[in-house]
């Protein structure tokens, strides 16, 4: 919504293109990236509790749909 006001447009496509051009990720992207980093550290941890939930953490990471 803010970008629409800043750019004086109602076009979602224009806003998304400008966000990509200027490097402003949608809020969901940084959340997914942080979650993936956390799960990577969780999966590789030697902590006994982490190893119990390792398979579930791996499934959760696979479901993130990073789209790379």
PDB file of N, CA and C in Angstrom:
ATOM      1  N   UNK A   1       0.825  -1.192   0.000  1.00  0.00           N
ATOM      2  CA  UNK A   1       0.000   0.000   0.000  1.00  0.00           C
ATOM      3  C   UNK A   1       0.871   1.258   0.000  1.00  0.00           C
ATOM      4  N   UNK A   2       1.926   1.267   0.789  1.00  0.00           N
ATOM      5  CA  UNK A   2       2.789   2.445   0.818  1.00  0.00           C
ATOM      6  C   UNK A   2       3.439   2.710  -0.522  1.00  0.00           C
ATOM      7  N   UNK A   3       3.891   1.627  -1.164  1.00  0.00           N
ATOM      8  CA  UNK A   3       4.535   1.810  -2.459  1.00  0.00           C
ATOM      9  C   UNK A   3       3.555   2.365  -3.478  1.00  0.00           C
ATOM     10  N   UNK A   4       2.307   1.983  -3.383  1.00  0.00           N
ATOM     11  CA  UNK A   4       1.302   2.520  -4.297  1.00  0.00           C
ATOM     12  C   UNK A   4       1.163   4.031  -4.103  1.00  0.00           C
ATOM     13  N   UNK A   5       1.216   4.471  -2.866  1.00  0.00           N
ATOM     14  CA  UNK A   5       1.126   5.907  -2.586  1.00  0.00           C
ATOM     15  C   UNK A   5       2.382   6.629  -3.041  1.00  0.00           C
ATOM     16  N   UNK A   6       3.541   6.042  -2.752  1.00  0.00           N
ATOM     17  CA  UNK A   6       4.809   6.670  -3.127  1.00  0.00           C
ATOM     18  C   UNK A   6       4.923   6.794  -4.642  1.00  0.00           C
ATOM     19  N   UNK A   7       4.528   5.750  -5.352  1.00  0.00           N
ATOM     20  CA  UNK A   7       4.655   5.729  -6.803  1.00  0.00           C
ATOM     21  C   UNK A   7       3.449   6.309  -7.527  1.00  0.00           C
ATOM     22  N   UNK A   8       2.429   6.697  -6.774  1.00  0.00           N
ATOM     23  CA  UNK A   8       1.208   7.270  -7.345  1.00  0.00           C
ATOM     24  C   UNK A   8       0.603   6.359  -8.417  1.00  0.00           C
ATOM     25  N   UNK A   9       0.417   5.087  -8.040  1.00  0.00           N
ATOM     26  CA  UNK A   9      -0.158   4.117  -8.968  1.00  0.00           C
ATOM     27  C   UNK A   9      -1.045   3.137  -8.212  1.00  0.00           C
ATOM     28  N   UNK A  10      -1.965   2.554  -8.903  1.00  0.00           N
ATOM     29  CA  UNK A  10      -2.802   1.499  -8.332  1.00  0.00           C
ATOM     30  C   UNK A  10      -2.461   0.137  -8.936  1.00  0.00           C
ATOM     31  N   UNK A  11      -1.423   0.116  -9.748  1.00  0.00           N
ATOM     32  CA  UNK A  11      -1.036  -1.116 -10.443  1.00  0.00           C
ATOM     33  C   UNK A  11      -0.109  -1.961  -9.563  1.00  0.00           C
ATOM     34  N   UNK A  12      -0.577  -3.154  -9.225  1.00  0.00           N
ATOM     35  CA  UNK A  12       0.222  -4.077  -8.423  1.00  0.00           C
ATOM     36  C   UNK A  12       1.482  -4.495  -9.188  1.00  0.00           C
ATOM     37  N   UNK A  13       1.368  -4.657 -10.500  1.00  0.00           N
ATOM     38  CA  UNK A  13       2.514  -5.055 -11.324  1.00  0.00           C
ATOM     39  C   UNK A  13       3.618  -4.001 -11.296  1.00  0.00           C
ATOM     40  N   UNK A  14       3.232  -2.734 -11.391  1.00  0.00           N
ATOM     41  CA  UNK A  14       4.214  -1.642 -11.352  1.00  0.00           C
ATOM     42  C   UNK A  14       4.919  -1.629 -10.003  1.00  0.00           C
ATOM     43  N   UNK A  15       4.156  -1.787  -8.933  1.00  0.00           N
ATOM     44  CA  UNK A  15       4.726  -1.781  -7.589  1.00  0.00           C
ATOM     45  C   UNK A  15       5.699  -2.937  -7.414  1.00  0.00           C
ATOM     46  N   UNK A  16       5.316  -4.140  -7.827  1.00  0.00           N
ATOM     47  CA  UNK A  16       6.192  -5.308  -7.683  1.00  0.00           C
ATOM     48  C   UNK A  16       7.472  -5.149  -8.498  1.00  0.00           C
ATOM     49  N   UNK A  17       7.365  -4.602  -9.690  1.00  0.00           N
ATOM     50  CA  UNK A  17       8.544  -4.376 -10.521  1.00  0.00           C
ATOM     51  C   UNK A  17       9.486  -3.362  -9.867  1.00  0.00           C
ATOM     52  N   UNK A  18       8.946  -2.297  -9.323  1.00  0.00           N
ATOM     53  CA  UNK A  18       9.762  -1.293  -8.642  1.00  0.00           C
ATOM     54  C   UNK A  18      10.408  -1.865  -7.383  1.00  0.00           C
ATOM     55  N   UNK A  19       9.676  -2.694  -6.650  1.00  0.00           N
ATOM     56  CA  UNK A  19      10.239  -3.328  -5.463  1.00  0.00           C
ATOM     57  C   UNK A  19      11.431  -4.208  -5.841  1.00  0.00           C
ATOM     58  N   UNK A  20      11.293  -4.972  -6.908  1.00  0.00           N
ATOM     59  CA  UNK A  20      12.413  -5.810  -7.363  1.00  0.00           C
ATOM     60  C   UNK A  20      13.590  -4.944  -7.802  1.00  0.00           C
ATOM     61  N   UNK A  21      13.301  -3.883  -8.538  1.00  0.00           N
ATOM     62  CA  UNK A  21      14.351  -3.011  -9.063  1.00  0.00           C
ATOM     63  C   UNK A  21      15.132  -2.340  -7.939  1.00  0.00           C
ATOM     64  N   UNK A  22      14.421  -1.897  -6.901  1.00  0.00           N
ATOM     65  CA  UNK A  22      15.072  -1.199  -5.802  1.00  0.00           C
ATOM     66  C   UNK A  22      15.496  -2.113  -4.658  1.00  0.00           C
ATOM     67  N   UNK A  23      15.219  -3.413  -4.768  1.00  0.00           N
ATOM     68  CA  UNK A  23      15.680  -4.372  -3.772  1.00  0.00           C
ATOM     69  C   UNK A  23      14.824  -4.466  -2.524  1.00  0.00           C
ATOM     70  N   UNK A  24      13.574  -4.100  -2.601  1.00  0.00           N
ATOM     71  CA  UNK A  24      12.663  -4.225  -1.468  1.00  0.00           C
ATOM     72  C   UNK A  24      11.868  -5.517  -1.610  1.00  0.00           C
ATOM     73  N   UNK A  25      12.208  -6.501  -0.781  1.00  0.00           N
ATOM     74  CA  UNK A  25      11.511  -7.773  -0.829  1.00  0.00           C
ATOM     75  C   UNK A  25      10.171  -7.673  -0.123  1.00  0.00           C
ATOM     76  N   UNK A  26       9.179  -8.416  -0.598  1.00  0.00           N
ATOM     77  CA  UNK A  26       7.929  -8.493   0.154  1.00  0.00           C
ATOM     78  C   UNK A  26       8.213  -9.076   1.541  1.00  0.00           C
ATOM     79  N   UNK A  27       7.404  -8.761   2.512  1.00  0.00           N
ATOM     80  CA  UNK A  27       7.616  -9.174   3.897  1.00  0.00           C
ATOM     81  C   UNK A  27       7.762 -10.682   4.016  1.00  0.00           C
ATOM     82  N   UNK A  28       7.047 -11.433   3.218  1.00  0.00           N
ATOM     83  CA  UNK A  28       7.099 -12.888   3.325  1.00  0.00           C
ATOM     84  C   UNK A  28       8.477 -13.455   2.976  1.00  0.00           C
ATOM     85  N   UNK A  29       9.222 -12.816   2.087  1.00  0.00           N
ATOM     86  CA  UNK A  29      10.524 -13.344   1.676  1.00  0.00           C
ATOM     87  C   UNK A  29      11.547 -13.372   2.814  1.00  0.00           C
ATOM     88  N   UNK A  30      11.767 -12.266   3.521  1.00  0.00           N
ATOM     89  CA  UNK A  30      12.730 -12.338   4.634  1.00  0.00           C
ATOM     90  C   UNK A  30      12.315 -13.341   5.715  1.00  0.00           C
ATOM     91  N   UNK A  31      11.028 -13.513   5.917  1.00  0.00           N
ATOM     92  CA  UNK A  31      10.559 -14.481   6.911  1.00  0.00           C
ATOM     93  C   UNK A  31      10.937 -15.890   6.480  1.00  0.00           C
ATOM     94  N   UNK A  32      10.725 -16.207   5.215  1.00  0.00           N
ATOM     95  CA  UNK A  32      11.083 -17.531   4.695  1.00  0.00           C
ATOM     96  C   UNK A  32      12.594 -17.745   4.773  1.00  0.00           C
ATOM     97  N   UNK A  33      13.369 -16.730   4.429  1.00  0.00           N
ATOM     98  CA  UNK A  33      14.828 -16.836   4.466  1.00  0.00           C
ATOM     99  C   UNK A  33      15.310 -17.073   5.897  1.00  0.00           C
ATOM    100  N   UNK A  34      14.789 -16.334   6.857  1.00  0.00           N
ATOM    101  CA  UNK A  34      15.190 -16.519   8.256  1.00  0.00           C
ATOM    102  C   UNK A  34      14.780 -17.887   8.777  1.00  0.00           C
ATOM    103  N   UNK A  35      13.594 -18.333   8.395  1.00  0.00           N
ATOM    104  CA  UNK A  35      13.123 -19.651   8.819  1.00  0.00           C
ATOM    105  C   UNK A  35      14.031 -20.737   8.263  1.00  0.00           C
ATOM    106  N   UNK A  36      14.412 -20.617   7.004  1.00  0.00           N
ATOM    107  CA  UNK A  36      15.303 -21.608   6.386  1.00  0.00           C
ATOM    108  C   UNK A  36      16.653 -21.636   7.087  1.00  0.00           C
ATOM    109  N   UNK A  37      17.201 -20.474   7.408  1.00  0.00           N
ATOM    110  CA  UNK A  37      18.480 -20.420   8.136  1.00  0.00           C
ATOM    111  C   UNK A  37      18.364 -21.086   9.499  1.00  0.00           C
ATOM    112  N   UNK A  38      17.285 -20.779  10.206  1.00  0.00           N
ATOM    113  CA  UNK A  38      17.070 -21.389  11.519  1.00  0.00           C
ATOM    114  C   UNK A  38      16.991 -22.908  11.398  1.00  0.00           C
ATOM    115  N   UNK A  39      16.212 -23.387  10.438  1.00  0.00           N
ATOM    116  CA  UNK A  39      16.061 -24.833  10.271  1.00  0.00           C
ATOM    117  C   UNK A  39      17.380 -25.493   9.877  1.00  0.00           C
ATOM    118  N   UNK A  40      18.192 -24.825   9.064  1.00  0.00           N
ATOM    119  CA  UNK A  40      19.515 -25.351   8.724  1.00  0.00           C
ATOM    120  C   UNK A  40      20.367 -25.543   9.974  1.00  0.00           C
ATOM    121  N   UNK A  41      20.383 -24.531  10.833  1.00  0.00           N
ATOM    122  CA  UNK A  41      21.162 -24.633  12.081  1.00  0.00           C
ATOM    123  C   UNK A  41      20.573 -25.686  13.000  1.00  0.00           C
ATOM    124  N   UNK A  42      19.262 -25.757  13.065  1.00  0.00           N
ATOM    125  CA  UNK A  42      18.577 -26.739  13.907  1.00  0.00           C
ATOM    126  C   UNK A  42      18.914 -28.162  13.449  1.00  0.00           C
ATOM    127  N   UNK A  43      18.847 -28.397  12.154  1.00  0.00           N
ATOM    128  CA  UNK A  43      19.097 -29.728  11.589  1.00  0.00           C
ATOM    129  C   UNK A  43      20.542 -30.164  11.817  1.00  0.00           C
ATOM    130  N   UNK A  44      21.477 -29.227  11.724  1.00  0.00           N
ATOM    131  CA  UNK A  44      22.892 -29.582  11.856  1.00  0.00           C
ATOM    132  C   UNK A  44      23.379 -29.586  13.311  1.00  0.00           C
ATOM    133  N   UNK A  45      22.511 -29.259  14.243  1.00  0.00           N
ATOM    134  CA  UNK A  45      22.897 -29.208  15.653  1.00  0.00           C
ATOM    135  C   UNK A  45      23.131 -30.608  16.222  1.00  0.00           C
ATOM    136  N   UNK A  46      24.072 -30.705  17.144  1.00  0.00           N
ATOM    137  CA  UNK A  46      24.358 -31.963  17.838  1.00  0.00           C
ATOM    138  C   UNK A  46      23.525 -32.111  19.109  1.00  0.00           C
ATOM    139  N   UNK A  47      22.724 -31.119  19.412  1.00  0.00           N
ATOM    140  CA  UNK A  47      21.887 -31.153  20.604  1.00  0.00           C
ATOM    141  C   UNK A  47      20.921 -32.335  20.523  1.00  0.00           C
ATOM    142  N   UNK A  48      20.788 -33.062  21.625  1.00  0.00           N
ATOM    143  CA  UNK A  48      19.956 -34.277  21.645  1.00  0.00           C
ATOM    144  C   UNK A  48      18.494 -33.959  21.311  1.00  0.00           C
ATOM    145  N   UNK A  49      17.967 -32.881  21.862  1.00  0.00           N
ATOM    146  CA  UNK A  49      16.579 -32.512  21.588  1.00  0.00           C
ATOM    147  C   UNK A  49      16.378 -32.169  20.105  1.00  0.00           C
ATOM    148  N   UNK A  50      17.346 -31.481  19.519  1.00  0.00           N
ATOM    149  CA  UNK A  50      17.254 -31.135  18.096  1.00  0.00           C
ATOM    150  C   UNK A  50      17.267 -32.390  17.226  1.00  0.00           C
ATOM    151  N   UNK A  51      18.065 -33.370  17.606  1.00  0.00           N
ATOM    152  CA  UNK A  51      18.123 -34.589  16.800  1.00  0.00           C
ATOM    153  C   UNK A  51      16.803 -35.351  16.837  1.00  0.00           C
ATOM    154  N   UNK A  52      16.059 -35.222  17.940  1.00  0.00           N
ATOM    155  CA  UNK A  52      14.756 -35.888  18.038  1.00  0.00           C
ATOM    156  C   UNK A  52      13.792 -35.325  16.990  1.00  0.00           C
ATOM    157  N   UNK A  53      13.866 -34.035  16.761  1.00  0.00           N
ATOM    158  CA  UNK A  53      12.932 -33.373  15.834  1.00  0.00           C
ATOM    159  C   UNK A  53      13.560 -33.064  14.476  1.00  0.00           C
ATOM    160  N   UNK A  54      14.702 -33.646  14.192  1.00  0.00           N
ATOM    161  CA  UNK A  54      15.434 -33.367  12.956  1.00  0.00           C
ATOM    162  C   UNK A  54      14.619 -33.682  11.702  1.00  0.00           C
ATOM    163  N   UNK A  55      13.955 -34.830  11.677  1.00  0.00           N
ATOM    164  CA  UNK A  55      13.177 -35.198  10.487  1.00  0.00           C
ATOM    165  C   UNK A  55      12.035 -34.225  10.232  1.00  0.00           C
ATOM    166  N   UNK A  56      11.360 -33.806  11.288  1.00  0.00           N
ATOM    167  CA  UNK A  56      10.264 -32.840  11.129  1.00  0.00           C
ATOM    168  C   UNK A  56      10.803 -31.496  10.653  1.00  0.00           C
ATOM    169  N   UNK A  57      11.933 -31.093  11.177  1.00  0.00           N
ATOM    170  CA  UNK A  57      12.545 -29.835  10.743  1.00  0.00           C
ATOM    171  C   UNK A  57      12.905 -29.901   9.260  1.00  0.00           C
ATOM    172  N   UNK A  58      13.414 -31.049   8.823  1.00  0.00           N
ATOM    173  CA  UNK A  58      13.761 -31.211   7.406  1.00  0.00           C
ATOM    174  C   UNK A  58      12.511 -31.140   6.526  1.00  0.00           C
ATOM    175  N   UNK A  59      11.430 -31.759   6.971  1.00  0.00           N
ATOM    176  CA  UNK A  59      10.160 -31.679   6.215  1.00  0.00           C
ATOM    177  C   UNK A  59       9.676 -30.229   6.144  1.00  0.00           C
ATOM    178  N   UNK A  60       9.761 -29.526   7.263  1.00  0.00           N
ATOM    179  CA  UNK A  60       9.328 -28.118   7.278  1.00  0.00           C
ATOM    180  C   UNK A  60      10.167 -27.282   6.315  1.00  0.00           C
ATOM    181  N   UNK A  61      11.463 -27.537   6.281  1.00  0.00           N
ATOM    182  CA  UNK A  61      12.330 -26.784   5.380  1.00  0.00           C
ATOM    183  C   UNK A  61      11.978 -27.086   3.926  1.00  0.00           C
ATOM    184  N   UNK A  62      11.691 -28.343   3.627  1.00  0.00           N
ATOM    185  CA  UNK A  62      11.326 -28.723   2.260  1.00  0.00           C
ATOM    186  C   UNK A  62      10.017 -28.081   1.824  1.00  0.00           C
ATOM    187  N   UNK A  63       9.142 -27.784   2.767  1.00  0.00           N
ATOM    188  CA  UNK A  63       7.835 -27.179   2.466  1.00  0.00           C
ATOM    189  C   UNK A  63       7.891 -25.666   2.288  1.00  0.00           C
ATOM    190  N   UNK A  64       9.025 -25.049   2.554  1.00  0.00           N
ATOM    191  CA  UNK A  64       9.123 -23.586   2.482  1.00  0.00           C
ATOM    192  C   UNK A  64       8.952 -23.047   1.066  1.00  0.00           C
ATOM    193  N   UNK A  65       9.201 -23.851   0.059  1.00  0.00           N
ATOM    194  CA  UNK A  65       9.097 -23.402  -1.333  1.00  0.00           C
ATOM    195  C   UNK A  65       9.935 -22.160  -1.574  1.00  0.00           C
ATOM    196  N   UNK A  66      11.231 -22.290  -1.463  1.00  0.00           N
ATOM    197  CA  UNK A  66      12.123 -21.144  -1.626  1.00  0.00           C
ATOM    198  C   UNK A  66      12.127 -20.584  -3.039  1.00  0.00           C
ATOM    199  N   UNK A  67      11.713 -21.340  -4.001  1.00  0.00           N
ATOM    200  CA  UNK A  67      11.577 -20.831  -5.363  1.00  0.00           C
ATOM    201  C   UNK A  67      12.865 -20.375  -5.999  1.00  0.00           C
ATOM    202  N   UNK A  68      13.984 -20.982  -5.655  1.00  0.00           N
ATOM    203  CA  UNK A  68      15.245 -20.542  -6.237  1.00  0.00           C
ATOM    204  C   UNK A  68      15.477 -21.196  -7.511  1.00  0.00           C
TER     205      UNK A  68
END
